Amino acid sequence: FEDIRRIREAHSIIINNLEKDFPSLKKFALQLGTNEFKLKYGF
């Protein structure tokens, strides 16, 4: 459930920052408190 919550947060952050230069998936995953593999797979 914690993984799913973080993926939903990722979804919300992306939608609210479309105009920004998006960071690498590794940096984005660290911000969410997960790893790149779980972010990619879970999304």
ModelCIF file with pLDDT and N, C-alpha, C, O atoms, coordinates in Angstrom:
data_MODEL
#
_entry.id   MODEL 
#
_entity.id                         1 
_entity.type                       polymer 
_entity.pdbx_number_of_molecules   1 
#
_entity_poly.entity_id                      1 
_entity_poly.type                           'polypeptide(L)' 
_entity_poly.nstd_linkage                   no 
_entity_poly.nstd_monomer                   no 
_entity_poly.pdbx_seq_one_letter_code       FEDIRRIREAHSIIINNLEKDFPSLKKFALQLGTNEFKLKYGF 
_entity_poly.pdbx_seq_one_letter_code_can   FEDIRRIREAHSIIINNLEKDFPSLKKFALQLGTNEFKLKYGF 
_entity_poly.pdbx_strand_id                 A 
#
loop_
_entity_poly_seq.entity_id 
_entity_poly_seq.num 
_entity_poly_seq.mon_id 
_entity_poly_seq.hetero 
1 1  PHE n 
1 2  GLU n 
1 3  ASP n 
1 4  ILE n 
1 5  ARG n 
1 6  ARG n 
1 7  ILE n 
1 8  ARG n 
1 9  GLU n 
1 10 ALA n 
1 11 HIS n 
1 12 SER n 
1 13 ILE n 
1 14 ILE n 
1 15 ILE n 
1 16 ASN n 
1 17 ASN n 
1 18 LEU n 
1 19 GLU n 
1 20 LYS n 
1 21 ASP n 
1 22 PHE n 
1 23 PRO n 
1 24 SER n 
1 25 LEU n 
1 26 LYS n 
1 27 LYS n 
1 28 PHE n 
1 29 ALA n 
1 30 LEU n 
1 31 GLN n 
1 32 LEU n 
1 33 GLY n 
1 34 THR n 
1 35 ASN n 
1 36 GLU n 
1 37 PHE n 
1 38 LYS n 
1 39 LEU n 
1 40 LYS n 
1 41 TYR n 
1 42 GLY n 
1 43 PHE n 
#
_struct_asym.id          A 
_struct_asym.entity_id   1 
#
loop_
_ma_qa_metric.id 
_ma_qa_metric.mode 
_ma_qa_metric.name 
_ma_qa_metric.software_group_id 
_ma_qa_metric.type 
1 global pLDDT . pLDDT 
2 local  pLDDT . pLDDT 
#
_ma_qa_metric_global.metric_id      1 
_ma_qa_metric_global.metric_value   91.14 
_ma_qa_metric_global.model_id       1 
_ma_qa_metric_global.ordinal_id     1 
#
loop_
_ma_qa_metric_local.label_asym_id 
_ma_qa_metric_local.label_comp_id 
_ma_qa_metric_local.label_seq_id 
_ma_qa_metric_local.metric_id 
_ma_qa_metric_local.metric_value 
_ma_qa_metric_local.model_id 
_ma_qa_metric_local.ordinal_id 
A PHE 1  2 83.00 1 1  
A GLU 2  2 86.00 1 2  
A ASP 3  2 88.00 1 3  
A ILE 4  2 89.00 1 4  
A ARG 5  2 88.00 1 5  
A ARG 6  2 90.00 1 6  
A ILE 7  2 91.00 1 7  
A ARG 8  2 90.00 1 8  
A GLU 9  2 91.00 1 9  
A ALA 10 2 92.00 1 10 
A HIS 11 2 91.00 1 11 
A SER 12 2 89.00 1 12 
A ILE 13 2 92.00 1 13 
A ILE 14 2 93.00 1 14 
A ILE 15 2 89.00 1 15 
A ASN 16 2 89.00 1 16 
A ASN 17 2 92.00 1 17 
A LEU 18 2 91.00 1 18 
A GLU 19 2 91.00 1 19 
A LYS 20 2 90.00 1 20 
A ASP 21 2 91.00 1 21 
A PHE 22 2 91.00 1 22 
A PRO 23 2 92.00 1 23 
A SER 24 2 93.00 1 24 
A LEU 25 2 94.00 1 25 
A LYS 26 2 94.00 1 26 
A LYS 27 2 93.00 1 27 
A PHE 28 2 94.00 1 28 
A ALA 29 2 93.00 1 29 
A LEU 30 2 92.00 1 30 
A GLN 31 2 92.00 1 31 
A LEU 32 2 91.00 1 32 
A GLY 33 2 91.00 1 33 
A THR 34 2 92.00 1 34 
A ASN 35 2 92.00 1 35 
A GLU 36 2 93.00 1 36 
A PHE 37 2 92.00 1 37 
A LYS 38 2 92.00 1 38 
A LEU 39 2 93.00 1 39 
A LYS 40 2 93.00 1 40 
A TYR 41 2 92.00 1 41 
A GLY 42 2 91.00 1 42 
A PHE 43 2 93.00 1 43 
#
loop_
_atom_site.group_PDB 
_atom_site.id 
_atom_site.type_symbol 
_atom_site.label_atom_id 
_atom_site.label_alt_id 
_atom_site.label_comp_id 
_atom_site.label_asym_id 
_atom_site.label_entity_id 
_atom_site.label_seq_id 
_atom_site.pdbx_PDB_ins_code 
_atom_site.Cartn_x 
_atom_site.Cartn_y 
_atom_site.Cartn_z 
_atom_site.occupancy 
_atom_site.B_iso_or_equiv 
_atom_site.pdbx_formal_charge 
_atom_site.auth_seq_id 
_atom_site.auth_comp_id 
_atom_site.auth_asym_id 
_atom_site.auth_atom_id 
_atom_site.pdbx_PDB_model_num 
ATOM 1   N N  . PHE A 1 1  ? 0.838  -1.201 0.000   1.00 83.00 ? 1  PHE A N  1 
ATOM 2   C CA . PHE A 1 1  ? 0.000  0.000  0.000   1.00 83.00 ? 1  PHE A CA 1 
ATOM 3   C C  . PHE A 1 1  ? 0.872  1.249  0.000   1.00 83.00 ? 1  PHE A C  1 
ATOM 4   O O  . PHE A 1 1  ? 0.518  2.258  -0.610  1.00 83.00 ? 1  PHE A O  1 
ATOM 5   N N  . GLU A 1 2  ? 2.015  1.182  0.685   1.00 86.00 ? 2  GLU A N  1 
ATOM 6   C CA . GLU A 1 2  ? 2.929  2.320  0.714   1.00 86.00 ? 2  GLU A CA 1 
ATOM 7   C C  . GLU A 1 2  ? 3.519  2.566  -0.673  1.00 86.00 ? 2  GLU A C  1 
ATOM 8   O O  . GLU A 1 2  ? 3.679  3.716  -1.082  1.00 86.00 ? 2  GLU A O  1 
ATOM 9   N N  . ASP A 1 3  ? 3.841  1.497  -1.398  1.00 88.00 ? 3  ASP A N  1 
ATOM 10  C CA . ASP A 1 3  ? 4.346  1.634  -2.769  1.00 88.00 ? 3  ASP A CA 1 
ATOM 11  C C  . ASP A 1 3  ? 3.309  2.313  -3.655  1.00 88.00 ? 3  ASP A C  1 
ATOM 12  O O  . ASP A 1 3  ? 3.629  3.217  -4.427  1.00 88.00 ? 3  ASP A O  1 
ATOM 13  N N  . ILE A 1 4  ? 2.052  1.861  -3.534  1.00 89.00 ? 4  ILE A N  1 
ATOM 14  C CA . ILE A 1 4  ? 0.968  2.422  -4.347  1.00 89.00 ? 4  ILE A CA 1 
ATOM 15  C C  . ILE A 1 4  ? 0.756  3.901  -4.022  1.00 89.00 ? 4  ILE A C  1 
ATOM 16  O O  . ILE A 1 4  ? 0.519  4.710  -4.920  1.00 89.00 ? 4  ILE A O  1 
ATOM 17  N N  . ARG A 1 5  ? 0.841  4.251  -2.735  1.00 88.00 ? 5  ARG A N  1 
ATOM 18  C CA . ARG A 1 5  ? 0.682  5.651  -2.323  1.00 88.00 ? 5  ARG A CA 1 
ATOM 19  C C  . ARG A 1 5  ? 1.764  6.520  -2.960  1.00 88.00 ? 5  ARG A C  1 
ATOM 20  O O  . ARG A 1 5  ? 1.490  7.631  -3.414  1.00 88.00 ? 5  ARG A O  1 
ATOM 21  N N  . ARG A 1 6  ? 2.987  6.009  -2.989  1.00 90.00 ? 6  ARG A N  1 
ATOM 22  C CA . ARG A 1 6  ? 4.086  6.781  -3.577  1.00 90.00 ? 6  ARG A CA 1 
ATOM 23  C C  . ARG A 1 6  ? 3.932  6.936  -5.087  1.00 90.00 ? 6  ARG A C  1 
ATOM 24  O O  . ARG A 1 6  ? 4.252  7.984  -5.647  1.00 90.00 ? 6  ARG A O  1 
ATOM 25  N N  . ILE A 1 7  ? 3.440  5.887  -5.739  1.00 91.00 ? 7  ILE A N  1 
ATOM 26  C CA . ILE A 1 7  ? 3.218  5.973  -7.183  1.00 91.00 ? 7  ILE A CA 1 
ATOM 27  C C  . ILE A 1 7  ? 2.140  7.005  -7.484  1.00 91.00 ? 7  ILE A C  1 
ATOM 28  O O  . ILE A 1 7  ? 2.246  7.744  -8.462  1.00 91.00 ? 7  ILE A O  1 
ATOM 29  N N  . ARG A 1 8  ? 1.101  7.063  -6.649  1.00 90.00 ? 8  ARG A N  1 
ATOM 30  C CA . ARG A 1 8  ? 0.050  8.074  -6.831  1.00 90.00 ? 8  ARG A CA 1 
ATOM 31  C C  . ARG A 1 8  ? 0.602  9.476  -6.616  1.00 90.00 ? 8  ARG A C  1 
ATOM 32  O O  . ARG A 1 8  ? 0.203  10.417 -7.301  1.00 90.00 ? 8  ARG A O  1 
ATOM 33  N N  . GLU A 1 9  ? 1.529  9.617  -5.653  1.00 91.00 ? 9  GLU A N  1 
ATOM 34  C CA . GLU A 1 9  ? 2.162  10.918 -5.438  1.00 91.00 ? 9  GLU A CA 1 
ATOM 35  C C  . GLU A 1 9  ? 2.975  11.306 -6.662  1.00 91.00 ? 9  GLU A C  1 
ATOM 36  O O  . GLU A 1 9  ? 2.997  12.474 -7.050  1.00 91.00 ? 9  GLU A O  1 
ATOM 37  N N  . ALA A 1 10 ? 3.650  10.325 -7.278  1.00 92.00 ? 10 ALA A N  1 
ATOM 38  C CA . ALA A 1 10 ? 4.423  10.578 -8.497  1.00 92.00 ? 10 ALA A CA 1 
ATOM 39  C C  . ALA A 1 10 ? 3.505  11.090 -9.601  1.00 92.00 ? 10 ALA A C  1 
ATOM 40  O O  . ALA A 1 10 ? 3.836  12.040 -10.311 1.00 92.00 ? 10 ALA A O  1 
ATOM 41  N N  . HIS A 1 11 ? 2.354  10.450 -9.733  1.00 91.00 ? 11 HIS A N  1 
ATOM 42  C CA . HIS A 1 11 ? 1.363  10.844 -10.737 1.00 91.00 ? 11 HIS A CA 1 
ATOM 43  C C  . HIS A 1 11 ? 0.929  12.291 -10.529 1.00 91.00 ? 11 HIS A C  1 
ATOM 44  O O  . HIS A 1 11 ? 0.846  13.058 -11.488 1.00 91.00 ? 11 HIS A O  1 
ATOM 45  N N  . SER A 1 12 ? 0.654  12.666 -9.283  1.00 89.00 ? 12 SER A N  1 
ATOM 46  C CA . SER A 1 12 ? 0.218  14.023 -8.959  1.00 89.00 ? 12 SER A CA 1 
ATOM 47  C C  . SER A 1 12 ? 1.312  15.044 -9.224  1.00 89.00 ? 12 SER A C  1 
ATOM 48  O O  . SER A 1 12 ? 1.041  16.117 -9.763  1.00 89.00 ? 12 SER A O  1 
ATOM 49  N N  . ILE A 1 13 ? 2.553  14.720 -8.848  1.00 92.00 ? 13 ILE A N  1 
ATOM 50  C CA . ILE A 1 13 ? 3.669  15.646 -9.044  1.00 92.00 ? 13 ILE A CA 1 
ATOM 51  C C  . ILE A 1 13 ? 3.917  15.884 -10.526 1.00 92.00 ? 13 ILE A C  1 
ATOM 52  O O  . ILE A 1 13 ? 4.185  17.014 -10.935 1.00 92.00 ? 13 ILE A O  1 
ATOM 53  N N  . ILE A 1 14 ? 3.830  14.832 -11.335 1.00 93.00 ? 14 ILE A N  1 
ATOM 54  C CA . ILE A 1 14 ? 4.035  14.977 -12.783 1.00 93.00 ? 14 ILE A CA 1 
ATOM 55  C C  . ILE A 1 14 ? 2.999  15.926 -13.375 1.00 93.00 ? 14 ILE A C  1 
ATOM 56  O O  . ILE A 1 14 ? 3.347  16.843 -14.119 1.00 93.00 ? 14 ILE A O  1 
ATOM 57  N N  . ILE A 1 15 ? 1.734  15.709 -13.048 1.00 89.00 ? 15 ILE A N  1 
ATOM 58  C CA . ILE A 1 15 ? 0.649  16.531 -13.602 1.00 89.00 ? 15 ILE A CA 1 
ATOM 59  C C  . ILE A 1 15 ? 0.813  18.003 -13.221 1.00 89.00 ? 15 ILE A C  1 
ATOM 60  O O  . ILE A 1 15 ? 0.490  18.892 -14.009 1.00 89.00 ? 15 ILE A O  1 
ATOM 61  N N  . ASN A 1 16 ? 1.311  18.254 -12.023 1.00 89.00 ? 16 ASN A N  1 
ATOM 62  C CA . ASN A 1 16 ? 1.440  19.629 -11.542 1.00 89.00 ? 16 ASN A CA 1 
ATOM 63  C C  . ASN A 1 16 ? 2.753  20.304 -11.931 1.00 89.00 ? 16 ASN A C  1 
ATOM 64  O O  . ASN A 1 16 ? 2.975  21.464 -11.583 1.00 89.00 ? 16 ASN A O  1 
ATOM 65  N N  . ASN A 1 17 ? 3.618  19.599 -12.642 1.00 92.00 ? 17 ASN A N  1 
ATOM 66  C CA . ASN A 1 17 ? 4.916  20.172 -13.015 1.00 92.00 ? 17 ASN A CA 1 
ATOM 67  C C  . ASN A 1 17 ? 5.263  19.896 -14.473 1.00 92.00 ? 17 ASN A C  1 
ATOM 68  O O  . ASN A 1 17 ? 6.421  19.635 -14.799 1.00 92.00 ? 17 ASN A O  1 
ATOM 69  N N  . LEU A 1 18 ? 4.266  19.953 -15.346 1.00 91.00 ? 18 LEU A N  1 
ATOM 70  C CA . LEU A 1 18 ? 4.488  19.650 -16.763 1.00 91.00 ? 18 LEU A CA 1 
ATOM 71  C C  . LEU A 1 18 ? 5.461  20.625 -17.422 1.00 91.00 ? 18 LEU A C  1 
ATOM 72  O O  . LEU A 1 18 ? 6.156  20.263 -18.371 1.00 91.00 ? 18 LEU A O  1 
ATOM 73  N N  . GLU A 1 19 ? 5.512  21.854 -16.924 1.00 91.00 ? 19 GLU A N  1 
ATOM 74  C CA . GLU A 1 19 ? 6.366  22.867 -17.556 1.00 91.00 ? 19 GLU A CA 1 
ATOM 75  C C  . GLU A 1 19 ? 7.828  22.750 -17.150 1.00 91.00 ? 19 GLU A C  1 
ATOM 76  O O  . GLU A 1 19 ? 8.685  23.414 -17.734 1.00 91.00 ? 19 GLU A O  1 
ATOM 77  N N  . LYS A 1 20 ? 8.123  21.923 -16.164 1.00 90.00 ? 20 LYS A N  1 
ATOM 78  C CA . LYS A 1 20 ? 9.480  21.812 -15.627 1.00 90.00 ? 20 LYS A CA 1 
ATOM 79  C C  . LYS A 1 20 ? 10.328 20.814 -16.412 1.00 90.00 ? 20 LYS A C  1 
ATOM 80  O O  . LYS A 1 20 ? 9.806  19.900 -17.051 1.00 90.00 ? 20 LYS A O  1 
ATOM 81  N N  . ASP A 1 21 ? 11.660 21.010 -16.350 1.00 91.00 ? 21 ASP A N  1 
ATOM 82  C CA . ASP A 1 21 ? 12.578 19.992 -16.844 1.00 91.00 ? 21 ASP A CA 1 
ATOM 83  C C  . ASP A 1 21 ? 12.534 18.834 -15.868 1.00 91.00 ? 21 ASP A C  1 
ATOM 84  O O  . ASP A 1 21 ? 12.898 18.990 -14.702 1.00 91.00 ? 21 ASP A O  1 
ATOM 85  N N  . PHE A 1 22 ? 12.095 17.680 -16.330 1.00 91.00 ? 22 PHE A N  1 
ATOM 86  C CA . PHE A 1 22 ? 11.871 16.566 -15.420 1.00 91.00 ? 22 PHE A CA 1 
ATOM 87  C C  . PHE A 1 22 ? 13.198 15.919 -15.028 1.00 91.00 ? 22 PHE A C  1 
ATOM 88  O O  . PHE A 1 22 ? 14.061 15.720 -15.882 1.00 91.00 ? 22 PHE A O  1 
ATOM 89  N N  . PRO A 1 23 ? 13.370 15.589 -13.741 1.00 92.00 ? 23 PRO A N  1 
ATOM 90  C CA . PRO A 1 23 ? 14.631 14.958 -13.312 1.00 92.00 ? 23 PRO A CA 1 
ATOM 91  C C  . PRO A 1 23 ? 14.726 13.519 -13.812 1.00 92.00 ? 23 PRO A C  1 
ATOM 92  O O  . PRO A 1 23 ? 13.776 12.980 -14.379 1.00 92.00 ? 23 PRO A O  1 
ATOM 93  N N  . SER A 1 24 ? 15.871 12.919 -13.594 1.00 93.00 ? 24 SER A N  1 
ATOM 94  C CA . SER A 1 24 ? 16.033 11.513 -13.958 1.00 93.00 ? 24 SER A CA 1 
ATOM 95  C C  . SER A 1 24 ? 15.122 10.662 -13.078 1.00 93.00 ? 24 SER A C  1 
ATOM 96  O O  . SER A 1 24 ? 14.731 11.083 -11.989 1.00 93.00 ? 24 SER A O  1 
ATOM 97  N N  . LEU A 1 25 ? 14.790 9.474  -13.550 1.00 94.00 ? 25 LEU A N  1 
ATOM 98  C CA . LEU A 1 25 ? 13.915 8.586  -12.775 1.00 94.00 ? 25 LEU A CA 1 
ATOM 99  C C  . LEU A 1 25 ? 14.557 8.227  -11.441 1.00 94.00 ? 25 LEU A C  1 
ATOM 100 O O  . LEU A 1 25 ? 13.856 8.045  -10.446 1.00 94.00 ? 25 LEU A O  1 
ATOM 101 N N  . LYS A 1 26 ? 15.871 8.123  -11.414 1.00 94.00 ? 26 LYS A N  1 
ATOM 102 C CA . LYS A 1 26 ? 16.566 7.786  -10.169 1.00 94.00 ? 26 LYS A CA 1 
ATOM 103 C C  . LYS A 1 26 ? 16.372 8.884  -9.127  1.00 94.00 ? 26 LYS A C  1 
ATOM 104 O O  . LYS A 1 26 ? 16.064 8.596  -7.971  1.00 94.00 ? 26 LYS A O  1 
ATOM 105 N N  . LYS A 1 27 ? 16.553 10.152 -9.534  1.00 93.00 ? 27 LYS A N  1 
ATOM 106 C CA . LYS A 1 27 ? 16.367 11.279 -8.612  1.00 93.00 ? 27 LYS A CA 1 
ATOM 107 C C  . LYS A 1 27 ? 14.907 11.398 -8.183  1.00 93.00 ? 27 LYS A C  1 
ATOM 108 O O  . LYS A 1 27 ? 14.612 11.657 -7.016  1.00 93.00 ? 27 LYS A O  1 
ATOM 109 N N  . PHE A 1 28 ? 14.006 11.207 -9.132  1.00 94.00 ? 28 PHE A N  1 
ATOM 110 C CA . PHE A 1 28 ? 12.576 11.304 -8.839  1.00 94.00 ? 28 PHE A CA 1 
ATOM 111 C C  . PHE A 1 28 ? 12.163 10.220 -7.846  1.00 94.00 ? 28 PHE A C  1 
ATOM 112 O O  . PHE A 1 28 ? 11.387 10.475 -6.925  1.00 94.00 ? 28 PHE A O  1 
ATOM 113 N N  . ALA A 1 29 ? 12.685 9.014  -8.041  1.00 93.00 ? 29 ALA A N  1 
ATOM 114 C CA . ALA A 1 29 ? 12.372 7.902  -7.135  1.00 93.00 ? 29 ALA A CA 1 
ATOM 115 C C  . ALA A 1 29 ? 12.886 8.186  -5.732  1.00 93.00 ? 29 ALA A C  1 
ATOM 116 O O  . ALA A 1 29 ? 12.211 7.876  -4.751  1.00 93.00 ? 29 ALA A O  1 
ATOM 117 N N  . LEU A 1 30 ? 14.081 8.777  -5.626  1.00 92.00 ? 30 LEU A N  1 
ATOM 118 C CA . LEU A 1 30 ? 14.648 9.119  -4.312  1.00 92.00 ? 30 LEU A CA 1 
ATOM 119 C C  . LEU A 1 30 ? 13.780 10.145 -3.596  1.00 92.00 ? 30 LEU A C  1 
ATOM 120 O O  . LEU A 1 30 ? 13.583 10.058 -2.384  1.00 92.00 ? 30 LEU A O  1 
ATOM 121 N N  . GLN A 1 31 ? 13.259 11.121 -4.347  1.00 92.00 ? 31 GLN A N  1 
ATOM 122 C CA . GLN A 1 31 ? 12.368 12.120 -3.745  1.00 92.00 ? 31 GLN A CA 1 
ATOM 123 C C  . GLN A 1 31 ? 11.123 11.460 -3.175  1.00 92.00 ? 31 GLN A C  1 
ATOM 124 O O  . GLN A 1 31 ? 10.623 11.868 -2.127  1.00 92.00 ? 31 GLN A O  1 
ATOM 125 N N  . LEU A 1 32 ? 10.626 10.445 -3.862  1.00 91.00 ? 32 LEU A N  1 
ATOM 126 C CA . LEU A 1 32 ? 9.405  9.758  -3.429  1.00 91.00 ? 32 LEU A CA 1 
ATOM 127 C C  . LEU A 1 32 ? 9.668  8.763  -2.303  1.00 91.00 ? 32 LEU A C  1 
ATOM 128 O O  . LEU A 1 32 ? 8.733  8.290  -1.655  1.00 91.00 ? 32 LEU A O  1 
ATOM 129 N N  . GLY A 1 33 ? 10.947 8.446  -2.071  1.00 91.00 ? 33 GLY A N  1 
ATOM 130 C CA . GLY A 1 33 ? 11.277 7.484  -1.022  1.00 91.00 ? 33 GLY A CA 1 
ATOM 131 C C  . GLY A 1 33 ? 11.218 6.046  -1.497  1.00 91.00 ? 33 GLY A C  1 
ATOM 132 O O  . GLY A 1 33 ? 10.962 5.140  -0.704  1.00 91.00 ? 33 GLY A O  1 
ATOM 133 N N  . THR A 1 34 ? 11.453 5.825  -2.791  1.00 92.00 ? 34 THR A N  1 
ATOM 134 C CA . THR A 1 34 ? 11.447 4.468  -3.338  1.00 92.00 ? 34 THR A CA 1 
ATOM 135 C C  . THR A 1 34 ? 12.651 4.316  -4.253  1.00 92.00 ? 34 THR A C  1 
ATOM 136 O O  . THR A 1 34 ? 13.537 5.170  -4.249  1.00 92.00 ? 34 THR A O  1 
ATOM 137 N N  . ASN A 1 35 ? 12.700 3.251  -5.034  1.00 92.00 ? 35 ASN A N  1 
ATOM 138 C CA . ASN A 1 35 ? 13.810 3.086  -5.977  1.00 92.00 ? 35 ASN A CA 1 
ATOM 139 C C  . ASN A 1 35 ? 13.293 3.137  -7.414  1.00 92.00 ? 35 ASN A C  1 
ATOM 140 O O  . ASN A 1 35 ? 12.089 3.066  -7.661  1.00 92.00 ? 35 ASN A O  1 
ATOM 141 N N  . GLU A 1 36 ? 14.228 3.261  -8.350  1.00 93.00 ? 36 GLU A N  1 
ATOM 142 C CA . GLU A 1 36 ? 13.867 3.447  -9.758  1.00 93.00 ? 36 GLU A CA 1 
ATOM 143 C C  . GLU A 1 36 ? 13.068 2.267  -10.301 1.00 93.00 ? 36 GLU A C  1 
ATOM 144 O O  . GLU A 1 36 ? 12.134 2.455  -11.080 1.00 93.00 ? 36 GLU A O  1 
ATOM 145 N N  . PHE A 1 37 ? 13.430 1.057  -9.895  1.00 92.00 ? 37 PHE A N  1 
ATOM 146 C CA . PHE A 1 37 ? 12.747 -0.124 -10.409 1.00 92.00 ? 37 PHE A CA 1 
ATOM 147 C C  . PHE A 1 37 ? 11.282 -0.144 -9.984  1.00 92.00 ? 37 PHE A C  1 
ATOM 148 O O  . PHE A 1 37 ? 10.395 -0.375 -10.807 1.00 92.00 ? 37 PHE A O  1 
ATOM 149 N N  . LYS A 1 38 ? 11.028 0.101  -8.692  1.00 92.00 ? 38 LYS A N  1 
ATOM 150 C CA . LYS A 1 38 ? 9.644  0.095  -8.204  1.00 92.00 ? 38 LYS A CA 1 
ATOM 151 C C  . LYS A 1 38 ? 8.828  1.219  -8.827  1.00 92.00 ? 38 LYS A C  1 
ATOM 152 O O  . LYS A 1 38 ? 7.641  1.053  -9.106  1.00 92.00 ? 38 LYS A O  1 
ATOM 153 N N  . LEU A 1 39 ? 9.470  2.365  -9.043  1.00 93.00 ? 39 LEU A N  1 
ATOM 154 C CA . LEU A 1 39 ? 8.763  3.485  -9.671  1.00 93.00 ? 39 LEU A CA 1 
ATOM 155 C C  . LEU A 1 39 ? 8.332  3.116  -11.082 1.00 93.00 ? 39 LEU A C  1 
ATOM 156 O O  . LEU A 1 39 ? 7.179  3.331  -11.454 1.00 93.00 ? 39 LEU A O  1 
ATOM 157 N N  . LYS A 1 40 ? 9.243  2.565  -11.866 1.00 93.00 ? 40 LYS A N  1 
ATOM 158 C CA . LYS A 1 40 ? 8.945  2.200  -13.251 1.00 93.00 ? 40 LYS A CA 1 
ATOM 159 C C  . LYS A 1 40 ? 7.902  1.087  -13.318 1.00 93.00 ? 40 LYS A C  1 
ATOM 160 O O  . LYS A 1 40 ? 6.942  1.161  -14.084 1.00 93.00 ? 40 LYS A O  1 
ATOM 161 N N  . TYR A 1 41 ? 8.112  0.047  -12.493 1.00 92.00 ? 41 TYR A N  1 
ATOM 162 C CA . TYR A 1 41 ? 7.198  -1.092 -12.507 1.00 92.00 ? 41 TYR A CA 1 
ATOM 163 C C  . TYR A 1 41 ? 5.815  -0.700 -11.986 1.00 92.00 ? 41 TYR A C  1 
ATOM 164 O O  . TYR A 1 41 ? 4.793  -1.017 -12.593 1.00 92.00 ? 41 TYR A O  1 
ATOM 165 N N  . GLY A 1 42 ? 5.807  0.002  -10.838 1.00 91.00 ? 42 GLY A N  1 
ATOM 166 C CA . GLY A 1 42 ? 4.532  0.374  -10.213 1.00 91.00 ? 42 GLY A CA 1 
ATOM 167 C C  . GLY A 1 42 ? 3.723  1.323  -11.069 1.00 91.00 ? 42 GLY A C  1 
ATOM 168 O O  . GLY A 1 42 ? 2.500  1.202  -11.145 1.00 91.00 ? 42 GLY A O  1 
ATOM 169 N N  . PHE A 1 43 ? 4.397  2.276  -11.721 1.00 93.00 ? 43 PHE A N  1 
ATOM 170 C CA . PHE A 1 43 ? 3.676  3.231  -12.570 1.00 93.00 ? 43 PHE A CA 1 
ATOM 171 C C  . PHE A 1 43 ? 3.031  2.514  -13.741 1.00 93.00 ? 43 PHE A C  1 
ATOM 172 O O  . PHE A 1 43 ? 2.378  3.149  -14.570 1.00 93.00 ? 43 PHE A O  1 
#
